N, C-alpha and C. Protein backbone atom coordinates (compact mmCIF):
# COMPACT_ATOMS: atom_id res chain seq x y z
N MET A 1 46.81 4.46 97.81
CA MET A 1 46.50 4.42 96.56
C MET A 1 45.46 3.77 96.11
N TYR A 2 45.84 2.45 96.64
CA TYR A 2 44.24 1.86 96.45
C TYR A 2 42.89 2.38 96.66
N ASN A 3 42.75 3.21 97.87
CA ASN A 3 41.49 3.87 98.39
C ASN A 3 41.32 4.96 97.71
N CYS A 4 42.26 5.77 96.89
CA CYS A 4 41.91 7.07 96.13
C CYS A 4 41.78 6.47 95.08
N SER A 5 42.24 5.17 94.31
CA SER A 5 41.38 4.73 92.82
C SER A 5 40.34 4.20 92.98
N PHE A 6 40.02 3.43 94.23
CA PHE A 6 38.86 2.93 94.20
C PHE A 6 37.69 4.03 94.30
N GLN A 7 37.99 5.20 94.68
CA GLN A 7 36.99 6.10 95.24
C GLN A 7 36.85 7.02 94.09
N ASN A 8 37.68 7.04 92.86
CA ASN A 8 37.67 7.16 91.63
C ASN A 8 36.91 6.96 91.09
N LEU A 9 36.64 4.90 91.04
CA LEU A 9 36.49 4.83 89.97
C LEU A 9 34.64 4.48 90.62
N GLN A 10 34.78 4.61 91.50
CA GLN A 10 33.31 4.03 92.11
C GLN A 10 31.95 5.06 91.14
N LEU A 11 30.94 4.44 91.48
CA LEU A 11 29.97 5.45 90.80
C LEU A 11 29.03 5.98 92.08
N SER A 12 28.89 7.27 91.88
CA SER A 12 28.35 7.68 93.00
C SER A 12 28.27 9.16 92.89
N GLN A 13 26.86 9.83 93.44
CA GLN A 13 26.88 11.03 93.33
C GLN A 13 26.93 11.97 94.38
N HIS A 14 27.04 12.98 94.45
CA HIS A 14 27.29 14.22 95.36
C HIS A 14 26.09 14.71 96.28
N LYS A 15 26.08 15.42 97.49
CA LYS A 15 25.08 15.36 98.33
C LYS A 15 24.48 16.37 97.48
N ASP A 16 24.14 17.21 96.40
CA ASP A 16 23.55 18.13 95.96
C ASP A 16 22.69 17.36 94.74
N LYS A 17 23.15 15.38 94.42
CA LYS A 17 22.59 14.98 93.84
C LYS A 17 23.00 14.71 92.54
N SER A 18 23.94 15.00 92.29
CA SER A 18 24.63 15.50 90.65
C SER A 18 25.81 14.33 91.00
N PRO A 19 26.06 13.86 89.30
CA PRO A 19 26.59 12.84 89.96
C PRO A 19 28.42 13.00 90.02
N SER A 20 28.93 12.19 90.47
CA SER A 20 30.67 12.25 90.80
C SER A 20 30.92 11.88 88.95
N PHE A 21 32.59 12.61 88.94
CA PHE A 21 33.17 12.26 87.48
C PHE A 21 33.25 10.96 86.86
N SER A 22 32.98 9.75 87.94
CA SER A 22 33.28 8.52 87.26
C SER A 22 31.67 8.06 87.01
N THR A 23 30.63 8.32 87.83
CA THR A 23 29.32 8.28 87.00
C THR A 23 28.85 8.85 85.80
N PHE A 24 29.45 10.21 85.66
CA PHE A 24 29.42 10.90 84.56
C PHE A 24 29.81 10.45 83.09
N MET A 25 31.41 9.52 83.73
CA MET A 25 31.63 9.36 82.31
C MET A 25 31.22 7.91 82.18
N PHE A 26 30.54 7.39 82.73
CA PHE A 26 29.89 5.73 82.74
C PHE A 26 28.95 6.12 82.17
N ALA A 27 27.92 7.41 82.76
CA ALA A 27 26.91 7.72 81.48
C ALA A 27 27.03 8.17 80.35
N ASN A 28 28.55 8.69 80.18
CA ASN A 28 28.42 9.69 79.04
C ASN A 28 29.55 9.06 78.01
N PRO A 29 30.13 7.63 77.96
CA PRO A 29 31.53 7.17 77.53
C PRO A 29 32.04 7.61 76.51
N PRO A 30 33.32 8.27 76.49
CA PRO A 30 34.17 8.93 75.46
C PRO A 30 34.50 7.96 74.30
N MET A 31 33.54 7.00 74.01
CA MET A 31 34.13 6.16 73.11
C MET A 31 33.44 6.45 71.46
N ARG A 32 34.45 6.07 70.51
CA ARG A 32 33.69 5.97 69.06
C ARG A 32 33.66 4.52 68.58
N ASN A 33 32.66 4.12 68.99
CA ASN A 33 32.86 2.31 68.38
C ASN A 33 32.55 2.18 66.30
N ILE A 34 33.15 2.03 66.50
CA ILE A 34 32.93 1.52 64.48
C ILE A 34 32.43 0.40 64.38
N ILE A 35 31.28 -0.30 64.21
CA ILE A 35 31.10 -1.43 63.62
C ILE A 35 31.23 -1.64 61.80
N LYS A 36 31.79 -2.63 60.99
CA LYS A 36 32.12 -2.69 59.88
C LYS A 36 30.77 -4.29 59.41
N PHE A 37 30.27 -4.15 58.58
CA PHE A 37 29.11 -5.47 58.62
C PHE A 37 29.92 -5.62 57.30
N PHE A 38 30.04 -6.90 56.90
CA PHE A 38 30.52 -7.69 55.64
C PHE A 38 29.63 -8.33 55.47
N PHE A 39 29.43 -8.36 54.02
CA PHE A 39 28.10 -9.72 53.23
C PHE A 39 29.22 -10.48 52.77
N PHE A 40 28.38 -11.46 52.59
CA PHE A 40 28.87 -12.83 51.68
C PHE A 40 27.60 -12.61 50.67
N ASN A 41 27.86 -12.06 49.40
CA ASN A 41 27.01 -12.55 48.57
C ASN A 41 27.18 -13.25 47.71
N ILE A 42 25.84 -14.25 47.45
CA ILE A 42 25.42 -15.27 47.24
C ILE A 42 25.56 -14.93 45.33
N THR A 43 26.21 -15.49 44.47
CA THR A 43 26.30 -15.37 43.04
C THR A 43 25.70 -16.84 42.42
N ASN A 44 25.24 -17.74 42.97
CA ASN A 44 24.57 -18.95 42.26
C ASN A 44 23.44 -19.37 42.89
N PRO A 45 22.73 -18.81 43.35
CA PRO A 45 21.58 -19.26 43.99
C PRO A 45 20.46 -19.97 43.30
N ASP A 46 20.21 -19.75 41.97
CA ASP A 46 19.20 -21.00 41.17
C ASP A 46 20.49 -22.47 40.93
N GLU A 47 21.73 -22.55 40.63
CA GLU A 47 22.12 -23.69 40.80
C GLU A 47 22.53 -24.50 41.77
N MET A 48 22.11 -23.47 43.20
CA MET A 48 21.94 -23.92 44.95
C MET A 48 20.53 -24.73 44.85
N ILE A 49 19.99 -24.04 44.70
CA ILE A 49 18.33 -24.37 44.53
C ILE A 49 17.90 -25.57 43.78
N TYR A 50 18.41 -25.63 42.46
CA TYR A 50 17.64 -26.35 41.41
C TYR A 50 18.91 -27.54 41.21
N GLY A 51 20.11 -27.04 41.25
CA GLY A 51 21.29 -28.29 40.70
C GLY A 51 22.40 -28.95 42.39
N SER A 52 21.81 -28.48 43.85
CA SER A 52 22.76 -28.89 44.62
C SER A 52 24.12 -28.49 44.73
N ALA A 53 24.50 -27.08 43.78
CA ALA A 53 25.63 -26.80 43.82
C ALA A 53 26.34 -26.21 44.67
N LYS A 54 27.37 -26.12 45.33
CA LYS A 54 27.95 -25.51 45.97
C LYS A 54 27.59 -23.89 46.19
N PRO A 55 28.01 -23.00 47.23
CA PRO A 55 27.39 -21.83 46.95
C PRO A 55 29.02 -21.18 46.82
N ARG A 56 28.53 -20.14 45.66
CA ARG A 56 29.61 -19.27 45.30
C ARG A 56 29.89 -18.30 46.10
N LEU A 57 30.50 -17.44 46.71
CA LEU A 57 30.35 -16.44 47.58
C LEU A 57 31.75 -15.24 47.01
N ILE A 58 31.03 -14.10 47.38
CA ILE A 58 31.90 -12.77 47.09
C ILE A 58 31.59 -11.76 48.46
N GLU A 59 32.79 -11.75 48.65
CA GLU A 59 32.68 -11.01 49.92
C GLU A 59 32.58 -9.20 49.81
N THR A 60 31.71 -8.95 50.49
CA THR A 60 31.44 -7.51 49.92
C THR A 60 32.61 -6.75 50.74
N LYS A 61 32.52 -5.54 50.44
CA LYS A 61 33.76 -4.73 51.30
C LYS A 61 32.83 -4.22 52.28
N ALA A 62 33.37 -3.73 52.73
CA ALA A 62 32.76 -2.77 54.66
C ALA A 62 31.97 -1.72 54.30
N TYR A 63 31.11 -1.94 54.99
CA TYR A 63 29.55 -0.79 55.29
C TYR A 63 29.49 -0.63 56.59
N ALA A 64 29.91 0.90 57.28
CA ALA A 64 30.53 0.94 58.35
C ALA A 64 29.50 1.93 59.04
N ILE A 65 29.47 1.76 60.68
CA ILE A 65 28.49 2.74 61.23
C ILE A 65 29.42 3.23 62.38
N ILE A 66 29.00 4.02 63.00
CA ILE A 66 29.56 4.61 64.57
C ILE A 66 28.28 4.07 65.50
N GLU A 67 28.70 4.19 66.53
CA GLU A 67 27.99 3.44 67.49
C GLU A 67 28.05 4.40 68.67
N THR A 68 27.07 5.29 69.21
CA THR A 68 27.22 5.93 70.71
C THR A 68 25.82 5.50 71.56
N GLU A 69 26.52 5.44 72.33
CA GLU A 69 25.80 5.59 73.77
C GLU A 69 25.97 5.97 75.04
N GLN A 70 24.52 6.44 75.47
CA GLN A 70 24.39 7.49 76.65
C GLN A 70 23.72 6.82 77.66
N LYS A 71 24.00 7.06 78.72
CA LYS A 71 22.84 6.40 79.91
C LYS A 71 22.15 7.82 80.57
N LYS A 72 20.80 7.57 80.15
CA LYS A 72 20.22 8.88 80.73
C LYS A 72 19.22 8.28 81.66
N TYR A 73 18.37 9.72 82.45
CA TYR A 73 17.54 9.19 84.02
C TYR A 73 18.19 8.53 85.02
N LEU A 74 19.22 8.80 84.76
CA LEU A 74 20.72 8.01 86.15
C LEU A 74 19.26 8.64 87.52
N LYS A 75 19.65 7.07 88.43
CA LYS A 75 18.78 7.68 89.91
C LYS A 75 19.24 6.51 90.46
N PHE A 76 19.87 6.56 91.76
CA PHE A 76 20.56 6.06 92.69
C PHE A 76 19.59 5.37 93.43
N SER A 77 19.55 4.68 94.10
CA SER A 77 18.72 4.23 95.16
C SER A 77 18.72 4.54 96.28
N GLU A 78 17.59 4.83 97.67
CA GLU A 78 18.13 5.37 98.59
C GLU A 78 19.34 5.22 99.79
N ASP A 79 19.54 4.18 99.59
CA ASP A 79 20.98 3.49 100.45
C ASP A 79 22.51 3.82 99.26
N ASN A 80 22.26 4.45 98.29
CA ASN A 80 22.98 5.02 96.96
C ASN A 80 23.51 3.03 96.36
N ASP A 81 22.85 1.83 96.61
CA ASP A 81 24.03 1.00 96.29
C ASP A 81 23.52 0.27 94.79
N GLU A 82 22.62 0.73 94.54
CA GLU A 82 21.96 0.61 92.98
C GLU A 82 22.15 1.55 92.56
N LEU A 83 21.81 1.57 90.80
CA LEU A 83 22.08 2.76 89.88
C LEU A 83 20.87 2.26 89.10
N PHE A 84 20.13 3.22 88.19
CA PHE A 84 19.14 3.15 87.83
C PHE A 84 19.28 3.70 86.61
N TYR A 85 19.19 3.38 85.20
CA TYR A 85 19.02 4.32 84.02
C TYR A 85 18.64 3.55 82.75
N GLN A 86 18.52 4.44 81.74
CA GLN A 86 17.97 3.55 80.67
C GLN A 86 19.15 4.04 79.68
N ASN A 87 19.94 2.84 78.62
CA ASN A 87 20.05 2.97 77.89
C ASN A 87 19.95 3.26 76.72
N TYR A 88 20.37 4.78 75.88
CA TYR A 88 20.30 4.85 74.61
C TYR A 88 21.14 4.59 73.91
N LYS A 89 21.21 3.64 72.53
CA LYS A 89 22.20 3.75 71.60
C LYS A 89 21.96 4.05 70.39
N ARG A 90 22.76 4.78 69.90
CA ARG A 90 22.25 5.22 68.79
C ARG A 90 23.54 4.75 67.22
N PHE A 91 23.04 4.71 66.08
CA PHE A 91 23.61 3.97 65.36
C PHE A 91 23.59 4.88 63.73
N VAL A 92 24.93 5.40 63.11
CA VAL A 92 24.67 6.31 62.52
C VAL A 92 25.61 5.73 60.98
N ILE A 93 25.20 5.86 60.28
CA ILE A 93 25.88 5.59 58.93
C ILE A 93 27.09 6.59 58.64
N ASN A 94 28.12 5.94 58.50
CA ASN A 94 29.17 6.27 58.51
C ASN A 94 30.25 6.04 56.73
N ASP A 95 30.29 7.54 56.01
CA ASP A 95 30.76 6.70 55.16
C ASP A 95 32.44 6.95 54.76
N GLU A 96 32.70 7.99 56.16
CA GLU A 96 34.19 7.94 55.94
C GLU A 96 34.75 6.59 55.82
N PHE A 97 34.27 5.31 57.09
CA PHE A 97 34.56 3.99 57.13
C PHE A 97 34.41 2.81 56.21
N THR A 98 33.22 3.60 55.34
CA THR A 98 32.79 2.61 54.46
C THR A 98 33.36 2.34 53.12
N CYS A 99 33.98 1.89 52.55
CA CYS A 99 34.49 1.21 51.08
C CYS A 99 33.51 2.63 50.35
N PRO A 100 34.81 3.21 49.67
CA PRO A 100 34.33 4.55 48.57
C PRO A 100 33.73 3.59 47.41
N ASP A 101 33.57 2.65 46.78
CA ASP A 101 32.99 2.10 46.12
C ASP A 101 31.27 1.49 46.48
N CYS A 102 31.11 1.13 47.92
CA CYS A 102 30.25 0.74 48.36
C CYS A 102 29.33 1.83 48.74
N SER A 103 27.88 1.11 48.34
CA SER A 103 26.80 2.28 48.47
C SER A 103 25.57 1.32 49.79
N TRP A 104 24.83 2.04 50.28
CA TRP A 104 24.24 1.48 51.30
C TRP A 104 22.37 0.86 50.52
N ASN A 105 22.55 1.55 48.72
CA ASN A 105 21.61 0.75 48.23
C ASN A 105 22.07 0.08 47.31
N ASP A 106 23.80 -0.80 47.61
CA ASP A 106 23.70 -1.88 46.49
C ASP A 106 22.70 -3.17 47.02
N ILE A 107 22.50 -3.96 46.67
CA ILE A 107 21.66 -4.89 46.50
C ILE A 107 23.05 -6.82 46.83
N VAL A 108 22.17 -7.11 47.36
CA VAL A 108 22.78 -8.78 47.79
C VAL A 108 22.15 -9.45 47.75
N THR A 109 22.66 -10.76 47.40
CA THR A 109 21.60 -11.86 47.86
C THR A 109 22.17 -12.62 48.79
N VAL A 110 21.44 -12.70 49.84
CA VAL A 110 21.91 -13.40 51.16
C VAL A 110 21.31 -14.71 51.63
N PRO A 111 21.26 -15.45 52.48
CA PRO A 111 20.39 -17.09 52.92
C PRO A 111 19.13 -16.15 53.63
N ASN A 112 18.04 -16.78 53.22
CA ASN A 112 16.77 -16.07 54.22
C ASN A 112 16.38 -17.44 55.59
N PRO A 113 17.24 -16.50 56.57
CA PRO A 113 17.55 -17.37 58.05
C PRO A 113 15.66 -17.83 58.29
N THR A 114 15.12 -16.93 58.12
CA THR A 114 13.45 -17.58 58.41
C THR A 114 13.06 -19.18 57.84
N GLY A 115 13.57 -18.94 56.93
CA GLY A 115 12.93 -20.30 55.66
C GLY A 115 14.04 -21.14 55.70
N ILE A 116 15.24 -20.88 56.23
CA ILE A 116 16.31 -22.10 56.22
C ILE A 116 16.11 -22.30 57.81
N GLY A 117 15.56 -21.70 58.73
CA GLY A 117 15.40 -22.40 60.03
C GLY A 117 14.08 -23.29 59.97
N ALA A 118 12.87 -22.69 59.26
CA ALA A 118 11.68 -23.44 59.27
C ALA A 118 12.04 -24.95 58.36
N ALA A 119 12.95 -24.87 57.35
CA ALA A 119 12.81 -25.93 56.50
C ALA A 119 14.03 -26.72 57.20
N SER A 120 14.98 -26.64 58.37
CA SER A 120 15.71 -27.47 59.04
C SER A 120 14.87 -28.07 60.10
N ALA A 121 14.05 -27.15 60.71
CA ALA A 121 12.74 -27.76 61.73
C ALA A 121 12.04 -29.07 61.15
N ILE A 122 11.68 -29.36 59.95
CA ILE A 122 11.17 -30.37 59.29
C ILE A 122 11.86 -31.54 60.09
N TYR A 123 13.27 -31.58 59.43
CA TYR A 123 13.95 -32.40 59.70
C TYR A 123 14.78 -32.82 61.37
N ASP A 124 14.39 -32.31 61.83
CA ASP A 124 14.40 -32.06 63.79
C ASP A 124 13.80 -33.63 64.31
N PRO A 125 14.59 -34.17 64.69
CA PRO A 125 14.09 -35.47 65.51
C PRO A 125 13.08 -35.09 66.49
N GLN A 126 13.42 -33.78 67.24
CA GLN A 126 12.47 -33.62 68.16
C GLN A 126 10.80 -33.42 67.92
N TYR A 127 10.72 -33.26 66.78
CA TYR A 127 9.61 -32.57 66.33
C TYR A 127 8.69 -34.06 65.61
N GLN A 128 9.62 -35.09 65.48
CA GLN A 128 8.82 -36.12 64.67
C GLN A 128 8.42 -36.49 63.50
N MET A 129 8.74 -35.34 62.95
CA MET A 129 7.47 -35.20 61.30
C MET A 129 7.35 -36.76 60.46
N THR A 130 6.39 -37.28 60.57
CA THR A 130 6.10 -38.53 59.18
C THR A 130 6.96 -37.40 58.13
N PRO A 131 7.23 -38.50 57.13
CA PRO A 131 7.72 -37.92 55.97
C PRO A 131 6.61 -37.30 55.00
N VAL A 132 4.93 -37.83 55.42
CA VAL A 132 3.81 -36.93 54.88
C VAL A 132 4.07 -35.73 55.55
N ALA A 133 3.73 -35.70 56.67
CA ALA A 133 3.69 -33.87 57.12
C ALA A 133 4.92 -33.40 56.73
N ARG A 134 6.50 -33.78 56.58
CA ARG A 134 6.84 -33.39 56.46
C ARG A 134 7.09 -32.40 54.64
N ARG A 135 6.36 -33.22 54.01
CA ARG A 135 6.06 -32.80 52.33
C ARG A 135 4.97 -31.87 52.51
N ILE A 136 3.85 -31.80 53.55
CA ILE A 136 3.09 -30.88 53.16
C ILE A 136 3.44 -29.51 53.91
N PHE A 137 4.36 -29.68 55.37
CA PHE A 137 4.86 -28.57 55.96
C PHE A 137 5.96 -27.61 55.07
N ALA A 138 6.58 -28.50 54.04
CA ALA A 138 7.65 -27.91 53.12
C ALA A 138 6.35 -27.27 51.77
N PHE A 139 5.81 -27.89 51.34
CA PHE A 139 4.35 -27.29 50.31
C PHE A 139 3.90 -26.19 51.19
N GLY A 140 3.80 -25.86 52.18
CA GLY A 140 2.65 -25.01 53.02
C GLY A 140 4.02 -23.63 53.09
N LEU A 141 5.36 -23.99 53.22
CA LEU A 141 6.33 -23.19 53.03
C LEU A 141 6.30 -22.82 51.30
N LEU A 142 6.16 -23.19 50.62
CA LEU A 142 6.42 -22.64 49.32
C LEU A 142 5.09 -22.06 48.72
N LEU A 143 4.07 -22.50 49.47
CA LEU A 143 2.39 -21.47 49.84
C LEU A 143 2.73 -20.24 50.04
N VAL A 144 3.36 -20.23 50.99
CA VAL A 144 3.14 -18.98 51.68
C VAL A 144 4.05 -17.82 50.94
N GLY A 145 5.13 -18.16 50.12
CA GLY A 145 5.86 -17.52 49.58
C GLY A 145 7.51 -17.71 50.54
N GLU A 146 7.37 -18.38 51.37
CA GLU A 146 8.89 -18.84 51.62
C GLU A 146 9.94 -19.60 51.02
N TYR A 147 10.73 -19.31 50.32
CA TYR A 147 12.24 -19.80 49.34
C TYR A 147 13.22 -19.56 50.71
N PRO A 148 14.11 -20.77 50.05
CA PRO A 148 15.52 -20.66 50.48
C PRO A 148 16.13 -19.79 50.41
N PHE A 149 15.91 -18.86 49.62
CA PHE A 149 16.77 -17.49 48.96
C PHE A 149 15.95 -16.67 49.19
N MET A 150 16.22 -15.01 49.76
CA MET A 150 15.46 -14.20 49.40
C MET A 150 16.13 -13.31 48.35
N TRP A 151 15.34 -13.18 47.48
CA TRP A 151 16.10 -12.13 46.07
C TRP A 151 15.99 -10.94 46.40
N VAL A 152 17.05 -10.16 47.32
CA VAL A 152 17.62 -8.94 47.70
C VAL A 152 17.37 -7.68 46.20
N ALA A 153 18.02 -8.35 44.99
CA ALA A 153 17.67 -8.02 44.07
C ALA A 153 16.61 -7.42 43.72
N LEU A 154 15.40 -8.05 43.87
CA LEU A 154 14.14 -7.57 43.61
C LEU A 154 13.84 -6.33 44.34
N SER A 155 13.94 -5.76 45.75
CA SER A 155 13.51 -4.78 46.22
C SER A 155 14.46 -4.58 47.57
N HIS A 156 15.32 -5.27 47.74
CA HIS A 156 16.17 -4.77 49.38
C HIS A 156 17.61 -4.74 48.68
N THR A 157 17.81 -3.49 49.96
CA THR A 157 19.42 -2.75 49.53
C THR A 157 20.02 -3.33 51.32
N VAL A 158 21.06 -3.32 51.13
CA VAL A 158 22.12 -3.50 52.29
C VAL A 158 21.34 -2.60 53.46
N LYS A 159 20.99 -1.39 53.04
CA LYS A 159 20.45 -0.06 54.49
C LYS A 159 18.98 -1.21 55.05
N GLU A 160 18.30 -1.59 54.14
CA GLU A 160 16.97 -2.46 54.32
C GLU A 160 17.25 -3.80 55.21
N ILE A 161 18.22 -4.69 55.25
CA ILE A 161 18.81 -6.01 55.66
C ILE A 161 19.14 -5.33 57.19
N LEU A 162 20.07 -4.34 57.03
CA LEU A 162 20.50 -4.00 58.24
C LEU A 162 19.94 -3.15 59.37
N PHE A 163 19.13 -2.03 58.43
CA PHE A 163 18.22 -1.50 59.39
C PHE A 163 16.56 -1.16 59.06
N ASP A 164 16.49 -0.84 58.16
CA ASP A 164 15.06 -0.67 57.53
C ASP A 164 13.88 -1.60 57.48
N GLY A 165 14.54 -3.21 57.43
CA GLY A 165 13.79 -4.01 57.48
C GLY A 165 13.32 -4.13 56.25
N TYR A 166 12.40 -5.67 55.90
CA TYR A 166 11.90 -5.91 54.89
C TYR A 166 10.81 -7.12 55.04
N ASN A 167 9.88 -7.23 54.84
CA ASN A 167 8.23 -8.30 54.59
C ASN A 167 9.24 -9.56 54.27
N ASP A 168 8.93 -10.51 55.55
CA ASP A 168 9.53 -11.94 55.28
C ASP A 168 7.86 -12.73 55.37
N ALA A 169 7.81 -13.71 54.11
CA ALA A 169 6.57 -14.25 53.98
C ALA A 169 6.19 -15.32 55.01
N LEU A 170 7.30 -16.01 56.01
CA LEU A 170 6.81 -16.88 57.06
C LEU A 170 6.37 -15.90 58.54
N LEU A 171 7.06 -14.85 59.15
CA LEU A 171 6.95 -13.78 59.60
C LEU A 171 5.59 -13.47 59.38
N ASP A 172 4.97 -13.30 58.67
CA ASP A 172 4.16 -12.34 57.89
C ASP A 172 2.92 -12.70 58.71
N VAL A 173 2.84 -14.52 57.76
CA VAL A 173 1.83 -15.47 58.68
C VAL A 173 2.00 -16.08 60.11
N GLY A 174 3.05 -15.47 60.67
CA GLY A 174 3.23 -16.04 62.00
C GLY A 174 2.20 -15.36 62.73
N HIS A 175 2.38 -13.92 62.37
CA HIS A 175 1.51 -12.34 62.96
C HIS A 175 0.49 -12.10 62.87
N SER A 176 0.03 -12.97 61.37
CA SER A 176 -1.17 -12.87 61.22
C SER A 176 -2.85 -13.83 61.96
N LYS A 177 -4.01 -13.48 61.24
CA LYS A 177 -4.86 -14.23 62.12
C LYS A 177 -4.80 -15.72 61.80
N VAL A 178 -4.00 -16.19 60.40
CA VAL A 178 -4.25 -17.76 60.34
C VAL A 178 -3.50 -18.49 61.53
N SER A 179 -2.47 -18.02 61.75
CA SER A 179 -1.87 -18.50 62.56
C SER A 179 -2.61 -18.72 64.10
N GLN A 180 -3.64 -18.02 64.12
CA GLN A 180 -4.43 -18.37 65.63
C GLN A 180 -5.62 -19.36 65.33
N THR A 181 -5.77 -19.39 63.61
CA THR A 181 -6.68 -20.37 63.85
C THR A 181 -6.41 -21.72 64.46
N LYS A 182 -7.52 -22.22 64.76
CA LYS A 182 -7.57 -23.95 65.67
C LYS A 182 -7.67 -24.84 64.40
N LEU A 183 -6.81 -26.03 64.66
CA LEU A 183 -7.04 -27.52 63.89
C LEU A 183 -6.96 -28.58 64.54
N LEU A 184 -8.35 -29.19 64.83
CA LEU A 184 -8.31 -30.28 65.73
C LEU A 184 -8.16 -29.96 67.06
N GLY A 185 -8.48 -28.81 67.34
CA GLY A 185 -8.59 -28.10 68.67
C GLY A 185 -7.14 -27.67 68.93
N LYS A 186 -6.53 -27.37 68.41
CA LYS A 186 -5.42 -27.09 68.66
C LYS A 186 -4.36 -26.09 67.60
N SER A 187 -3.73 -24.76 68.46
CA SER A 187 -3.60 -23.39 67.99
C SER A 187 -2.02 -23.93 67.38
N PHE A 188 -2.17 -23.46 65.95
CA PHE A 188 -1.05 -23.13 65.36
C PHE A 188 0.53 -22.58 66.28
N SER A 189 -0.03 -21.50 66.67
CA SER A 189 1.23 -20.63 67.14
C SER A 189 1.37 -21.39 68.22
N ASN A 190 0.42 -22.10 69.34
CA ASN A 190 1.10 -22.30 70.61
C ASN A 190 1.35 -23.66 70.45
N ASP A 191 1.16 -24.77 69.60
CA ASP A 191 1.68 -26.05 69.36
C ASP A 191 2.22 -26.50 68.14
N TYR A 192 3.52 -26.71 68.08
CA TYR A 192 4.83 -26.41 67.17
C TYR A 192 4.15 -28.18 66.55
N ALA A 193 3.69 -29.42 66.93
CA ALA A 193 3.45 -30.62 66.62
C ALA A 193 1.54 -30.98 66.30
N VAL A 194 1.41 -29.96 65.40
CA VAL A 194 0.53 -30.08 65.03
C VAL A 194 -0.13 -31.43 64.07
N LEU A 195 1.05 -31.23 62.86
CA LEU A 195 1.23 -32.17 62.16
C LEU A 195 1.95 -33.31 62.49
N ALA A 196 2.21 -33.66 63.30
CA ALA A 196 3.05 -34.79 64.22
C ALA A 196 2.57 -35.53 64.67
N PRO A 197 2.83 -36.55 65.05
CA PRO A 197 2.09 -37.45 66.09
C PRO A 197 2.44 -37.39 67.32
N ALA A 198 1.41 -37.30 68.52
CA ALA A 198 2.05 -37.05 69.91
C ALA A 198 2.98 -38.08 70.14
């Protein structure tokens, strides 16, 4: 019994190089993964930024996608010990499992992860930033247009946040020529402690 089950589950190929049933099922899994996304829409960002209020959150209903997966270009090693392949995943927007009132063009306000990450780095002890350096860094973030919250209501939708993408000021600067500029012989992109004492 064990030997028969093991042979059926083992990934292998026939003598004519065609995949066995288990290998075929491994390459084309018979699954229907439904992934549901929920957002927490921040309804009081101004009060949070300027008045130190706690966030008021409203949970959105589900935005659903279906994930399919296929492994292509299967190739066994000469000793049939290893299997090489390329994994292709596909995500399809699904209206059946998305709430009836939801649209992929809905606008939500969410925290800006790069802005919050950069702001938290200011107070991280490992960088040993002086109070003056913190203020310069914080001012620089505001100068490049990085705010603690991005207003998705201006131009971004749920679909853009999840799939299409949006421009982020800090990432734009990080990938620009400015980040390659050298200051005091050090590159911004290669040395995080330019403004901090060594």
